[in-house]
Amino acid sequence: DFVYAKNWSSTTEYGKVVCKDNSWQVTEEKMALTNNGKFMH
């Protein structure tokens, strides 16, 4: 019903960017999976 997107740094390698996978970006295709979900940030 609601999608809250937020980046945060790695917890296992604290304070570092260990994932650069752009497929995690929230897109219209991703939102289409939801129940007409509302987007928040």
PDB file of all heavy atoms in Angstrom:
ATOM      1  N   ASP A   1       0.831  -1.207   0.000  1.00  0.00           N
ATOM      2  CA  ASP A   1       0.000   0.000   0.000  1.00  0.00           C
ATOM      3  C   ASP A   1       0.866   1.257   0.000  1.00  0.00           C
ATOM      4  O   ASP A   1       0.462   2.289  -0.543  1.00  0.00           O
ATOM      5  CB  ASP A   1      -0.909   0.007   1.227  1.00  0.00           C
ATOM      6  CG  ASP A   1      -1.857  -1.175   1.237  1.00  0.00           C
ATOM      7  OD1 ASP A   1      -2.659  -1.282   0.294  1.00  0.00           O
ATOM      8  OD2 ASP A   1      -1.780  -1.997   2.175  1.00  0.00           O
ATOM      9  N   PHE A   2       2.046   1.164   0.618  1.00  0.00           N
ATOM     10  CA  PHE A   2       2.987   2.287   0.664  1.00  0.00           C
ATOM     11  C   PHE A   2       4.392   1.750   0.447  1.00  0.00           C
ATOM     12  O   PHE A   2       4.761   0.706   0.971  1.00  0.00           O
ATOM     13  CB  PHE A   2       2.925   2.999   2.024  1.00  0.00           C
ATOM     14  CG  PHE A   2       1.611   3.685   2.285  1.00  0.00           C
ATOM     15  CD1 PHE A   2       0.567   2.983   2.885  1.00  0.00           C
ATOM     16  CD2 PHE A   2       1.411   5.011   1.941  1.00  0.00           C
ATOM     17  CE1 PHE A   2      -0.655   3.591   3.131  1.00  0.00           C
ATOM     18  CE2 PHE A   2       0.193   5.636   2.184  1.00  0.00           C
ATOM     19  CZ  PHE A   2      -0.845   4.927   2.782  1.00  0.00           C
ATOM     20  N   VAL A   3       5.175   2.504  -0.339  1.00  0.00           N
ATOM     21  CA  VAL A   3       6.575   2.163  -0.578  1.00  0.00           C
ATOM     22  C   VAL A   3       7.429   3.333  -0.117  1.00  0.00           C
ATOM     23  O   VAL A   3       7.289   4.451  -0.613  1.00  0.00           O
ATOM     24  CB  VAL A   3       6.840   1.880  -2.072  1.00  0.00           C
ATOM     25  CG1 VAL A   3       8.328   1.618  -2.304  1.00  0.00           C
ATOM     26  CG2 VAL A   3       5.998   0.704  -2.553  1.00  0.00           C
ATOM     27  N   TYR A   4       8.280   3.073   0.849  1.00  0.00           N
ATOM     28  CA  TYR A   4       9.162   4.098   1.402  1.00  0.00           C
ATOM     29  C   TYR A   4      10.579   3.769   0.962  1.00  0.00           C
ATOM     30  O   TYR A   4      11.168   2.771   1.412  1.00  0.00           O
ATOM     31  CB  TYR A   4       9.064   4.104   2.926  1.00  0.00           C
ATOM     32  CG  TYR A   4       9.601   5.359   3.584  1.00  0.00           C
ATOM     33  CD1 TYR A   4       8.741   6.346   4.038  1.00  0.00           C
ATOM     34  CD2 TYR A   4      10.962   5.543   3.766  1.00  0.00           C
ATOM     35  CE1 TYR A   4       9.226   7.483   4.656  1.00  0.00           C
ATOM     36  CE2 TYR A   4      11.459   6.676   4.377  1.00  0.00           C
ATOM     37  CZ  TYR A   4      10.581   7.644   4.822  1.00  0.00           C
ATOM     38  OH  TYR A   4      11.072   8.782   5.426  1.00  0.00           O
ATOM     39  N   ALA A   5      11.145   4.574   0.086  1.00  0.00           N
ATOM     40  CA  ALA A   5      12.491   4.327  -0.433  1.00  0.00           C
ATOM     41  C   ALA A   5      13.507   5.143   0.353  1.00  0.00           C
ATOM     42  O   ALA A   5      13.261   6.298   0.687  1.00  0.00           O
ATOM     43  CB  ALA A   5      12.569   4.684  -1.911  1.00  0.00           C
ATOM     44  N   LYS A   6      14.636   4.527   0.643  1.00  0.00           N
ATOM     45  CA  LYS A   6      15.706   5.249   1.348  1.00  0.00           C
ATOM     46  C   LYS A   6      17.003   4.491   1.190  1.00  0.00           C
ATOM     47  O   LYS A   6      17.040   3.280   1.285  1.00  0.00           O
ATOM     48  CB  LYS A   6      15.375   5.384   2.848  1.00  0.00           C
ATOM     49  CG  LYS A   6      16.369   6.240   3.614  1.00  0.00           C
ATOM     50  CD  LYS A   6      16.261   7.700   3.228  1.00  0.00           C
ATOM     51  CE  LYS A   6      17.263   8.555   3.991  1.00  0.00           C
ATOM     52  NZ  LYS A   6      18.629   8.461   3.438  1.00  0.00           N
ATOM     53  N   ASN A   7      18.071   5.229   0.941  1.00  0.00           N
ATOM     54  CA  ASN A   7      19.391   4.616   0.943  1.00  0.00           C
ATOM     55  C   ASN A   7      19.961   4.636   2.361  1.00  0.00           C
ATOM     56  O   ASN A   7      19.647   5.531   3.149  1.00  0.00           O
ATOM     57  CB  ASN A   7      20.340   5.369   0.015  1.00  0.00           C
ATOM     58  CG  ASN A   7      21.758   4.823   0.096  1.00  0.00           C
ATOM     59  OD1 ASN A   7      22.564   5.303   0.889  1.00  0.00           O
ATOM     60  ND2 ASN A   7      22.053   3.807  -0.691  1.00  0.00           N
ATOM     61  N   TRP A   8      20.748   3.640   2.684  1.00  0.00           N
ATOM     62  CA  TRP A   8      21.567   3.691   3.884  1.00  0.00           C
ATOM     63  C   TRP A   8      22.844   2.918   3.621  1.00  0.00           C
ATOM     64  O   TRP A   8      22.891   2.055   2.744  1.00  0.00           O
ATOM     65  CB  TRP A   8      20.824   3.147   5.105  1.00  0.00           C
ATOM     66  CG  TRP A   8      20.329   1.727   5.047  1.00  0.00           C
ATOM     67  CD1 TRP A   8      20.989   0.604   5.449  1.00  0.00           C
ATOM     68  CD2 TRP A   8      19.039   1.269   4.604  1.00  0.00           C
ATOM     69  NE1 TRP A   8      20.202  -0.514   5.291  1.00  0.00           N
ATOM     70  CE2 TRP A   8      18.997  -0.136   4.782  1.00  0.00           C
ATOM     71  CE3 TRP A   8      17.894   1.918   4.095  1.00  0.00           C
ATOM     72  CZ2 TRP A   8      17.888  -0.910   4.438  1.00  0.00           C
ATOM     73  CZ3 TRP A   8      16.790   1.150   3.761  1.00  0.00           C
ATOM     74  CH2 TRP A   8      16.790  -0.235   3.931  1.00  0.00           C
ATOM     75  N   SER A   9      23.885   3.254   4.342  1.00  0.00           N
ATOM     76  CA  SER A   9      25.180   2.613   4.112  1.00  0.00           C
ATOM     77  C   SER A   9      25.171   1.188   4.648  1.00  0.00           C
ATOM     78  O   SER A   9      24.323   0.808   5.448  1.00  0.00           O
ATOM     79  CB  SER A   9      26.296   3.425   4.770  1.00  0.00           C
ATOM     80  OG  SER A   9      26.096   3.495   6.160  1.00  0.00           O
ATOM     81  N   SER A  10      26.139   0.435   4.219  1.00  0.00           N
ATOM     82  CA  SER A  10      26.229  -0.968   4.612  1.00  0.00           C
ATOM     83  C   SER A  10      26.298  -1.113   6.133  1.00  0.00           C
ATOM     84  O   SER A  10      26.907  -0.293   6.831  1.00  0.00           O
ATOM     85  CB  SER A  10      27.474  -1.600   3.987  1.00  0.00           C
ATOM     86  OG  SER A  10      27.669  -2.911   4.478  1.00  0.00           O
ATOM     87  N   THR A  11      25.665  -2.143   6.627  1.00  0.00           N
ATOM     88  CA  THR A  11      25.719  -2.422   8.057  1.00  0.00           C
ATOM     89  C   THR A  11      26.802  -3.430   8.396  1.00  0.00           C
ATOM     90  O   THR A  11      27.329  -3.423   9.507  1.00  0.00           O
ATOM     91  CB  THR A  11      24.354  -2.941   8.551  1.00  0.00           C
ATOM     92  OG1 THR A  11      23.901  -3.996   7.689  1.00  0.00           O
ATOM     93  CG2 THR A  11      23.319  -1.822   8.529  1.00  0.00           C
ATOM     94  N   THR A  12      27.156  -4.283   7.452  1.00  0.00           N
ATOM     95  CA  THR A  12      28.222  -5.255   7.704  1.00  0.00           C
ATOM     96  C   THR A  12      29.600  -4.628   7.472  1.00  0.00           C
ATOM     97  O   THR A  12      30.572  -4.979   8.138  1.00  0.00           O
ATOM     98  CB  THR A  12      28.065  -6.491   6.809  1.00  0.00           C
ATOM     99  OG1 THR A  12      27.970  -6.075   5.441  1.00  0.00           O
ATOM    100  CG2 THR A  12      26.804  -7.257   7.186  1.00  0.00           C
ATOM    101  N   GLU A  13      29.702  -3.735   6.507  1.00  0.00           N
ATOM    102  CA  GLU A  13      30.926  -2.947   6.288  1.00  0.00           C
ATOM    103  C   GLU A  13      30.542  -1.502   6.558  1.00  0.00           C
ATOM    104  O   GLU A  13      30.324  -0.715   5.646  1.00  0.00           O
ATOM    105  CB  GLU A  13      31.462  -3.142   4.878  1.00  0.00           C
ATOM    106  CG  GLU A  13      31.888  -4.573   4.594  1.00  0.00           C
ATOM    107  CD  GLU A  13      32.529  -4.727   3.237  1.00  0.00           C
ATOM    108  OE1 GLU A  13      33.445  -3.928   2.917  1.00  0.00           O
ATOM    109  OE2 GLU A  13      32.112  -5.633   2.486  1.00  0.00           O
ATOM    110  N   TYR A  14      30.455  -1.173   7.825  1.00  0.00           N
ATOM    111  CA  TYR A  14      29.812   0.038   8.299  1.00  0.00           C
ATOM    112  C   TYR A  14      30.337   1.300   7.600  1.00  0.00           C
ATOM    113  O   TYR A  14      31.544   1.513   7.494  1.00  0.00           O
ATOM    114  CB  TYR A  14      29.997   0.187   9.811  1.00  0.00           C
ATOM    115  CG  TYR A  14      29.261   1.369  10.383  1.00  0.00           C
ATOM    116  CD1 TYR A  14      27.876   1.377  10.460  1.00  0.00           C
ATOM    117  CD2 TYR A  14      29.953   2.484  10.826  1.00  0.00           C
ATOM    118  CE1 TYR A  14      27.188   2.469  10.963  1.00  0.00           C
ATOM    119  CE2 TYR A  14      29.271   3.577  11.342  1.00  0.00           C
ATOM    120  CZ  TYR A  14      27.900   3.567  11.408  1.00  0.00           C
ATOM    121  OH  TYR A  14      27.228   4.660  11.901  1.00  0.00           O
ATOM    122  N   GLY A  15      29.378   2.091   7.134  1.00  0.00           N
ATOM    123  CA  GLY A  15      29.704   3.378   6.540  1.00  0.00           C
ATOM    124  C   GLY A  15      30.211   3.308   5.115  1.00  0.00           C
ATOM    125  O   GLY A  15      30.657   4.315   4.558  1.00  0.00           O
ATOM    126  N   LYS A  16      30.118   2.129   4.488  1.00  0.00           N
ATOM    127  CA  LYS A  16      30.640   1.978   3.131  1.00  0.00           C
ATOM    128  C   LYS A  16      29.521   1.692   2.139  1.00  0.00           C
ATOM    129  O   LYS A  16      28.444   1.234   2.502  1.00  0.00           O
ATOM    130  CB  LYS A  16      31.670   0.848   3.081  1.00  0.00           C
ATOM    131  CG  LYS A  16      32.927   1.127   3.897  1.00  0.00           C
ATOM    132  CD  LYS A  16      33.939  -0.010   3.756  1.00  0.00           C
ATOM    133  CE  LYS A  16      35.191   0.289   4.564  1.00  0.00           C
ATOM    134  NZ  LYS A  16      36.185  -0.823   4.453  1.00  0.00           N
ATOM    135  N   VAL A  17      29.798   1.987   0.867  1.00  0.00           N
ATOM    136  CA  VAL A  17      28.910   1.623  -0.232  1.00  0.00           C
ATOM    137  C   VAL A  17      29.437   0.326  -0.820  1.00  0.00           C
ATOM    138  O   VAL A  17      30.460   0.308  -1.502  1.00  0.00           O
ATOM    139  CB  VAL A  17      28.874   2.718  -1.318  1.00  0.00           C
ATOM    140  CG1 VAL A  17      27.986   2.287  -2.484  1.00  0.00           C
ATOM    141  CG2 VAL A  17      28.388   4.038  -0.738  1.00  0.00           C
ATOM    142  N   VAL A  18      28.757  -0.779  -0.528  1.00  0.00           N
ATOM    143  CA  VAL A  18      29.223  -2.073  -1.037  1.00  0.00           C
ATOM    144  C   VAL A  18      28.312  -2.596  -2.148  1.00  0.00           C
ATOM    145  O   VAL A  18      28.658  -3.554  -2.828  1.00  0.00           O
ATOM    146  CB  VAL A  18      29.335  -3.120   0.086  1.00  0.00           C
ATOM    147  CG1 VAL A  18      30.372  -2.694   1.103  1.00  0.00           C
ATOM    148  CG2 VAL A  18      27.993  -3.361   0.759  1.00  0.00           C
ATOM    149  N   CYS A  19      27.156  -1.970  -2.324  1.00  0.00           N
ATOM    150  CA  CYS A  19      26.244  -2.367  -3.404  1.00  0.00           C
ATOM    151  C   CYS A  19      25.984  -1.170  -4.309  1.00  0.00           C
ATOM    152  O   CYS A  19      25.593  -0.102  -3.836  1.00  0.00           O
ATOM    153  CB  CYS A  19      24.921  -2.874  -2.819  1.00  0.00           C
ATOM    154  SG  CYS A  19      23.716  -3.358  -4.094  1.00  0.00           S
ATOM    155  N   LYS A  20      26.222  -1.352  -5.590  1.00  0.00           N
ATOM    156  CA  LYS A  20      25.961  -0.302  -6.576  1.00  0.00           C
ATOM    157  C   LYS A  20      24.987  -0.791  -7.643  1.00  0.00           C
ATOM    158  O   LYS A  20      25.027  -0.351  -8.794  1.00  0.00           O
ATOM    159  CB  LYS A  20      27.270   0.158  -7.212  1.00  0.00           C
ATOM    160  CG  LYS A  20      28.258   0.749  -6.204  1.00  0.00           C
ATOM    161  CD  LYS A  20      29.539   1.218  -6.865  1.00  0.00           C
ATOM    162  CE  LYS A  20      30.493   1.803  -5.841  1.00  0.00           C
ATOM    163  NZ  LYS A  20      31.764   2.270  -6.441  1.00  0.00           N
ATOM    164  N   ASP A  21      24.101  -1.677  -7.243  1.00  0.00           N
ATOM    165  CA  ASP A  21      23.147  -2.307  -8.144  1.00  0.00           C
ATOM    166  C   ASP A  21      21.984  -1.351  -8.423  1.00  0.00           C
ATOM    167  O   ASP A  21      21.103  -1.157  -7.582  1.00  0.00           O
ATOM    168  CB  ASP A  21      22.631  -3.600  -7.533  1.00  0.00           C
ATOM    169  CG  ASP A  21      21.707  -4.372  -8.452  1.00  0.00           C
ATOM    170  OD1 ASP A  21      21.375  -3.846  -9.544  1.00  0.00           O
ATOM    171  OD2 ASP A  21      21.291  -5.491  -8.077  1.00  0.00           O
ATOM    172  N   ASN A  22      21.984  -0.751  -9.598  1.00  0.00           N
ATOM    173  CA  ASN A  22      20.961   0.242  -9.937  1.00  0.00           C
ATOM    174  C   ASN A  22      19.576  -0.363 -10.142  1.00  0.00           C
ATOM    175  O   ASN A  22      18.593   0.370 -10.267  1.00  0.00           O
ATOM    176  CB  ASN A  22      21.374   1.010 -11.197  1.00  0.00           C
ATOM    177  CG  ASN A  22      22.570   1.902 -10.955  1.00  0.00           C
ATOM    178  OD1 ASN A  22      22.758   2.400  -9.839  1.00  0.00           O
ATOM    179  ND2 ASN A  22      23.394   2.108 -11.969  1.00  0.00           N
ATOM    180  N   SER A  23      19.490  -1.682 -10.174  1.00  0.00           N
ATOM    181  CA  SER A  23      18.180  -2.310 -10.339  1.00  0.00           C
ATOM    182  C   SER A  23      17.304  -2.121  -9.094  1.00  0.00           C
ATOM    183  O   SER A  23      16.104  -2.383  -9.136  1.00  0.00           O
ATOM    184  CB  SER A  23      18.331  -3.802 -10.640  1.00  0.00           C
ATOM    185  OG  SER A  23      18.778  -4.519  -9.499  1.00  0.00           O
ATOM    186  N   TRP A  24      17.880  -1.645  -8.007  1.00  0.00           N
ATOM    187  CA  TRP A  24      17.108  -1.366  -6.800  1.00  0.00           C
ATOM    188  C   TRP A  24      16.390  -0.017  -6.876  1.00  0.00           C
ATOM    189  O   TRP A  24      15.584   0.310  -6.000  1.00  0.00           O
ATOM    190  CB  TRP A  24      18.015  -1.403  -5.566  1.00  0.00           C
ATOM    191  CG  TRP A  24      18.300  -2.802  -5.108  1.00  0.00           C
ATOM    192  CD1 TRP A  24      19.250  -3.649  -5.581  1.00  0.00           C
ATOM    193  CD2 TRP A  24      17.622  -3.511  -4.065  1.00  0.00           C
ATOM    194  NE1 TRP A  24      19.217  -4.855  -4.916  1.00  0.00           N
ATOM    195  CE2 TRP A  24      18.228  -4.796  -3.964  1.00  0.00           C
ATOM    196  CE3 TRP A  24      16.573  -3.209  -3.195  1.00  0.00           C
ATOM    197  CZ2 TRP A  24      17.810  -5.758  -3.048  1.00  0.00           C
ATOM    198  CZ3 TRP A  24      16.162  -4.162  -2.278  1.00  0.00           C
ATOM    199  CH2 TRP A  24      16.770  -5.412  -2.206  1.00  0.00           C
ATOM    200  N   GLN A  25      16.683   0.768  -7.903  1.00  0.00           N
ATOM    201  CA  GLN A  25      15.960   2.036  -8.072  1.00  0.00           C
ATOM    202  C   GLN A  25      14.460   1.763  -8.159  1.00  0.00           C
ATOM    203  O   GLN A  25      14.026   0.801  -8.813  1.00  0.00           O
ATOM    204  CB  GLN A  25      16.426   2.739  -9.353  1.00  0.00           C
ATOM    205  CG  GLN A  25      15.708   4.047  -9.616  1.00  0.00           C
ATOM    206  CD  GLN A  25      16.082   4.679 -10.955  1.00  0.00           C
ATOM    207  OE1 GLN A  25      15.277   5.310 -11.612  1.00  0.00           O
ATOM    208  NE2 GLN A  25      17.336   4.517 -11.371  1.00  0.00           N
ATOM    209  N   VAL A  26      13.657   2.601  -7.520  1.00  0.00           N
ATOM    210  CA  VAL A  26      12.204   2.454  -7.587  1.00  0.00           C
ATOM    211  C   VAL A  26      11.710   3.100  -8.876  1.00  0.00           C
ATOM    212  O   VAL A  26      11.825   4.312  -9.063  1.00  0.00           O
ATOM    213  CB  VAL A  26      11.516   3.073  -6.362  1.00  0.00           C
ATOM    214  CG1 VAL A  26      10.006   2.883  -6.460  1.00  0.00           C
ATOM    215  CG2 VAL A  26      12.043   2.441  -5.078  1.00  0.00           C
ATOM    216  N   THR A  27      11.162   2.286  -9.746  1.00  0.00           N
ATOM    217  CA  THR A  27      10.689   2.734 -11.048  1.00  0.00           C
ATOM    218  C   THR A  27       9.183   2.517 -11.161  1.00  0.00           C
ATOM    219  O   THR A  27       8.562   1.906 -10.289  1.00  0.00           O
ATOM    220  CB  THR A  27      11.388   1.931 -12.155  1.00  0.00           C
ATOM    221  OG1 THR A  27      11.049   0.536 -11.986  1.00  0.00           O
ATOM    222  CG2 THR A  27      12.903   2.106 -12.095  1.00  0.00           C
ATOM    223  N   GLU A  28       8.618   2.984 -12.262  1.00  0.00           N
ATOM    224  CA  GLU A  28       7.187   2.763 -12.499  1.00  0.00           C
ATOM    225  C   GLU A  28       6.880   1.271 -12.608  1.00  0.00           C
ATOM    226  O   GLU A  28       5.811   0.817 -12.179  1.00  0.00           O
ATOM    227  CB  GLU A  28       6.765   3.503 -13.770  1.00  0.00           C
ATOM    228  CG  GLU A  28       6.804   5.022 -13.609  1.00  0.00           C
ATOM    229  CD  GLU A  28       6.725   5.750 -14.933  1.00  0.00           C
ATOM    230  OE1 GLU A  28       7.773   5.830 -15.611  1.00  0.00           O
ATOM    231  OE2 GLU A  28       5.627   6.234 -15.280  1.00  0.00           O
ATOM    232  N   GLU A  29       7.812   0.516 -13.174  1.00  0.00           N
ATOM    233  CA  GLU A  29       7.627  -0.929 -13.285  1.00  0.00           C
ATOM    234  C   GLU A  29       7.595  -1.572 -11.895  1.00  0.00           C
ATOM    235  O   GLU A  29       6.804  -2.486 -11.635  1.00  0.00           O
ATOM    236  CB  GLU A  29       8.747  -1.547 -14.124  1.00  0.00           C
ATOM    237  CG  GLU A  29       8.713  -1.180 -15.607  1.00  0.00           C
ATOM    238  CD  GLU A  29       9.156   0.241 -15.885  1.00  0.00           C
ATOM    239  OE1 GLU A  29       9.869   0.821 -15.035  1.00  0.00           O
ATOM    240  OE2 GLU A  29       8.796   0.785 -16.950  1.00  0.00           O
ATOM    241  N   LYS A  30       8.439  -1.104 -11.009  1.00  0.00           N
ATOM    242  CA  LYS A  30       8.446  -1.634  -9.637  1.00  0.00           C
ATOM    243  C   LYS A  30       7.149  -1.271  -8.916  1.00  0.00           C
ATOM    244  O   LYS A  30       6.565  -2.094  -8.203  1.00  0.00           O
ATOM    245  CB  LYS A  30       9.646  -1.078  -8.869  1.00  0.00           C
ATOM    246  CG  LYS A  30      11.014  -1.540  -9.384  1.00  0.00           C
ATOM    247  CD  LYS A  30      11.302  -2.969  -8.989  1.00  0.00           C
ATOM    248  CE  LYS A  30      12.651  -3.436  -9.506  1.00  0.00           C
ATOM    249  NZ  LYS A  30      13.774  -2.845  -8.780  1.00  0.00           N
ATOM    250  N   MET A  31       6.692  -0.041  -9.095  1.00  0.00           N
ATOM    251  CA  MET A  31       5.465   0.394  -8.419  1.00  0.00           C
ATOM    252  C   MET A  31       4.246  -0.345  -8.954  1.00  0.00           C
ATOM    253  O   MET A  31       3.235  -0.479  -8.253  1.00  0.00           O
ATOM    254  CB  MET A  31       5.288   1.901  -8.572  1.00  0.00           C
ATOM    255  CG  MET A  31       6.309   2.738  -7.805  1.00  0.00           C
ATOM    256  SD  MET A  31       6.292   2.458  -6.012  1.00  0.00           S
ATOM    257  CE  MET A  31       4.667   3.112  -5.574  1.00  0.00           C
ATOM    258  N   ALA A  32       4.335  -0.844 -10.196  1.00  0.00           N
ATOM    259  CA  ALA A  32       3.224  -1.604 -10.773  1.00  0.00           C
ATOM    260  C   ALA A  32       2.997  -2.931 -10.037  1.00  0.00           C
ATOM    261  O   ALA A  32       1.929  -3.537 -10.167  1.00  0.00           O
ATOM    262  CB  ALA A  32       3.481  -1.861 -12.255  1.00  0.00           C
ATOM    263  N   LEU A  33       3.985  -3.377  -9.270  1.00  0.00           N
ATOM    264  CA  LEU A  33       3.849  -4.609  -8.486  1.00  0.00           C
ATOM    265  C   LEU A  33       2.989  -4.395  -7.233  1.00  0.00           C
ATOM    266  O   LEU A  33       2.533  -5.352  -6.625  1.00  0.00           O
ATOM    267  CB  LEU A  33       5.227  -5.125  -8.061  1.00  0.00           C
ATOM    268  CG  LEU A  33       6.211  -5.489  -9.183  1.00  0.00           C
ATOM    269  CD1 LEU A  33       7.592  -5.764  -8.599  1.00  0.00           C
ATOM    270  CD2 LEU A  33       5.709  -6.698  -9.956  1.00  0.00           C
ATOM    271  N   THR A  34       2.783  -3.135  -6.862  1.00  0.00           N
ATOM    272  CA  THR A  34       2.111  -2.823  -5.608  1.00  0.00           C
ATOM    273  C   THR A  34       0.594  -2.785  -5.775  1.00  0.00           C
ATOM    274  O   THR A  34       0.062  -2.916  -6.886  1.00  0.00           O
ATOM    275  CB  THR A  34       2.579  -1.450  -5.081  1.00  0.00           C
ATOM    276  OG1 THR A  34       2.050  -0.404  -5.922  1.00  0.00           O
ATOM    277  CG2 THR A  34       4.098  -1.362  -5.045  1.00  0.00           C
ATOM    278  N   ASN A  35      -0.088  -2.568  -4.680  1.00  0.00           N
ATOM    279  CA  ASN A  35      -1.535  -2.418  -4.670  1.00  0.00           C
ATOM    280  C   ASN A  35      -1.885  -0.946  -4.900  1.00  0.00           C
ATOM    281  O   ASN A  35      -2.404  -0.266  -4.009  1.00  0.00           O
ATOM    282  CB  ASN A  35      -2.089  -2.909  -3.323  1.00  0.00           C
ATOM    283  CG  ASN A  35      -3.598  -2.774  -3.233  1.00  0.00           C
ATOM    284  OD1 ASN A  35      -4.311  -2.849  -4.232  1.00  0.00           O
ATOM    285  ND2 ASN A  35      -4.090  -2.551  -2.021  1.00  0.00           N
ATOM    286  N   ASN A  36      -1.550  -0.458  -6.121  1.00  0.00           N
ATOM    287  CA  ASN A  36      -1.716   0.971  -6.410  1.00  0.00           C
ATOM    288  C   ASN A  36      -1.031   1.785  -5.309  1.00  0.00           C
ATOM    289  O   ASN A  36      -1.573   2.775  -4.810  1.00  0.00           O
ATOM    290  CB  ASN A  36      -3.190   1.353  -6.510  1.00  0.00           C
ATOM    291  CG  ASN A  36      -3.407   2.721  -7.151  1.00  0.00           C
ATOM    292  OD1 ASN A  36      -2.631   3.141  -8.018  1.00  0.00           O
ATOM    293  ND2 ASN A  36      -4.436   3.429  -6.720  1.00  0.00           N
ATOM    294  N   GLY A  37       0.172   1.360  -4.949  1.00  0.00           N
ATOM    295  CA  GLY A  37       0.860   1.895  -3.784  1.00  0.00           C
ATOM    296  C   GLY A  37       1.265   3.347  -3.905  1.00  0.00           C
ATOM    297  O   GLY A  37       1.552   3.857  -4.993  1.00  0.00           O
ATOM    298  N   LYS A  38       1.309   4.001  -2.760  1.00  0.00           N
ATOM    299  CA  LYS A  38       1.771   5.378  -2.661  1.00  0.00           C
ATOM    300  C   LYS A  38       3.275   5.374  -2.417  1.00  0.00           C
ATOM    301  O   LYS A  38       3.785   4.547  -1.642  1.00  0.00           O
ATOM    302  CB  LYS A  38       1.071   6.108  -1.516  1.00  0.00           C
ATOM    303  CG  LYS A  38      -0.443   6.075  -1.572  1.00  0.00           C
ATOM    304  CD  LYS A  38      -0.988   6.938  -2.684  1.00  0.00           C
ATOM    305  CE  LYS A  38      -2.509   7.026  -2.611  1.00  0.00           C
ATOM    306  NZ  LYS A  38      -3.078   7.858  -3.688  1.00  0.00           N
ATOM    307  N   PHE A  39       3.982   6.324  -3.032  1.00  0.00           N
ATOM    308  CA  PHE A  39       5.433   6.391  -2.891  1.00  0.00           C
ATOM    309  C   PHE A  39       5.816   7.470  -1.885  1.00  0.00           C
ATOM    310  O   PHE A  39       5.278   8.579  -1.913  1.00  0.00           O
ATOM    311  CB  PHE A  39       6.103   6.692  -4.227  1.00  0.00           C
ATOM    312  CG  PHE A  39       7.594   6.826  -4.116  1.00  0.00           C
ATOM    313  CD1 PHE A  39       8.393   5.694  -4.098  1.00  0.00           C
ATOM    314  CD2 PHE A  39       8.192   8.073  -3.993  1.00  0.00           C
ATOM    315  CE1 PHE A  39       9.777   5.811  -3.958  1.00  0.00           C
ATOM    316  CE2 PHE A  39       9.572   8.194  -3.860  1.00  0.00           C
ATOM    317  CZ  PHE A  39      10.360   7.058  -3.846  1.00  0.00           C
ATOM    318  N   MET A  40       6.774   7.135  -1.013  1.00  0.00           N
ATOM    319  CA  MET A  40       7.227   8.070   0.006  1.00  0.00           C
ATOM    320  C   MET A  40       8.755   8.136   0.052  1.00  0.00           C
ATOM    321  O   MET A  40       9.446   7.163  -0.229  1.00  0.00           O
ATOM    322  CB  MET A  40       6.683   7.661   1.384  1.00  0.00           C
ATOM    323  CG  MET A  40       5.168   7.607   1.459  1.00  0.00           C
ATOM    324  SD  MET A  40       4.547   7.022   3.069  1.00  0.00           S
ATOM    325  CE  MET A  40       5.056   8.380   4.139  1.00  0.00           C
ATOM    326  N   HIS A  41       9.253   9.304   0.418  1.00  0.00           N
ATOM    327  CA  HIS A  41      10.690   9.511   0.645  1.00  0.00           C
ATOM    328  C   HIS A  41      10.838  10.763   1.497  1.00  0.00           C
ATOM    329  O   HIS A  41      10.078  11.715   1.364  1.00  0.00           O
ATOM    330  CB  HIS A  41      11.437   9.684  -0.680  1.00  0.00           C
ATOM    331  CG  HIS A  41      12.936   9.685  -0.527  1.00  0.00           C
ATOM    332  ND1 HIS A  41      13.626  10.811  -0.132  1.00  0.00           N
ATOM    333  CD2 HIS A  41      13.860   8.710  -0.718  1.00  0.00           C
ATOM    334  CE1 HIS A  41      14.914  10.521  -0.077  1.00  0.00           C
ATOM    335  NE2 HIS A  41      15.078   9.253  -0.429  1.00  0.00           N
TER     336      HIS A  41
END
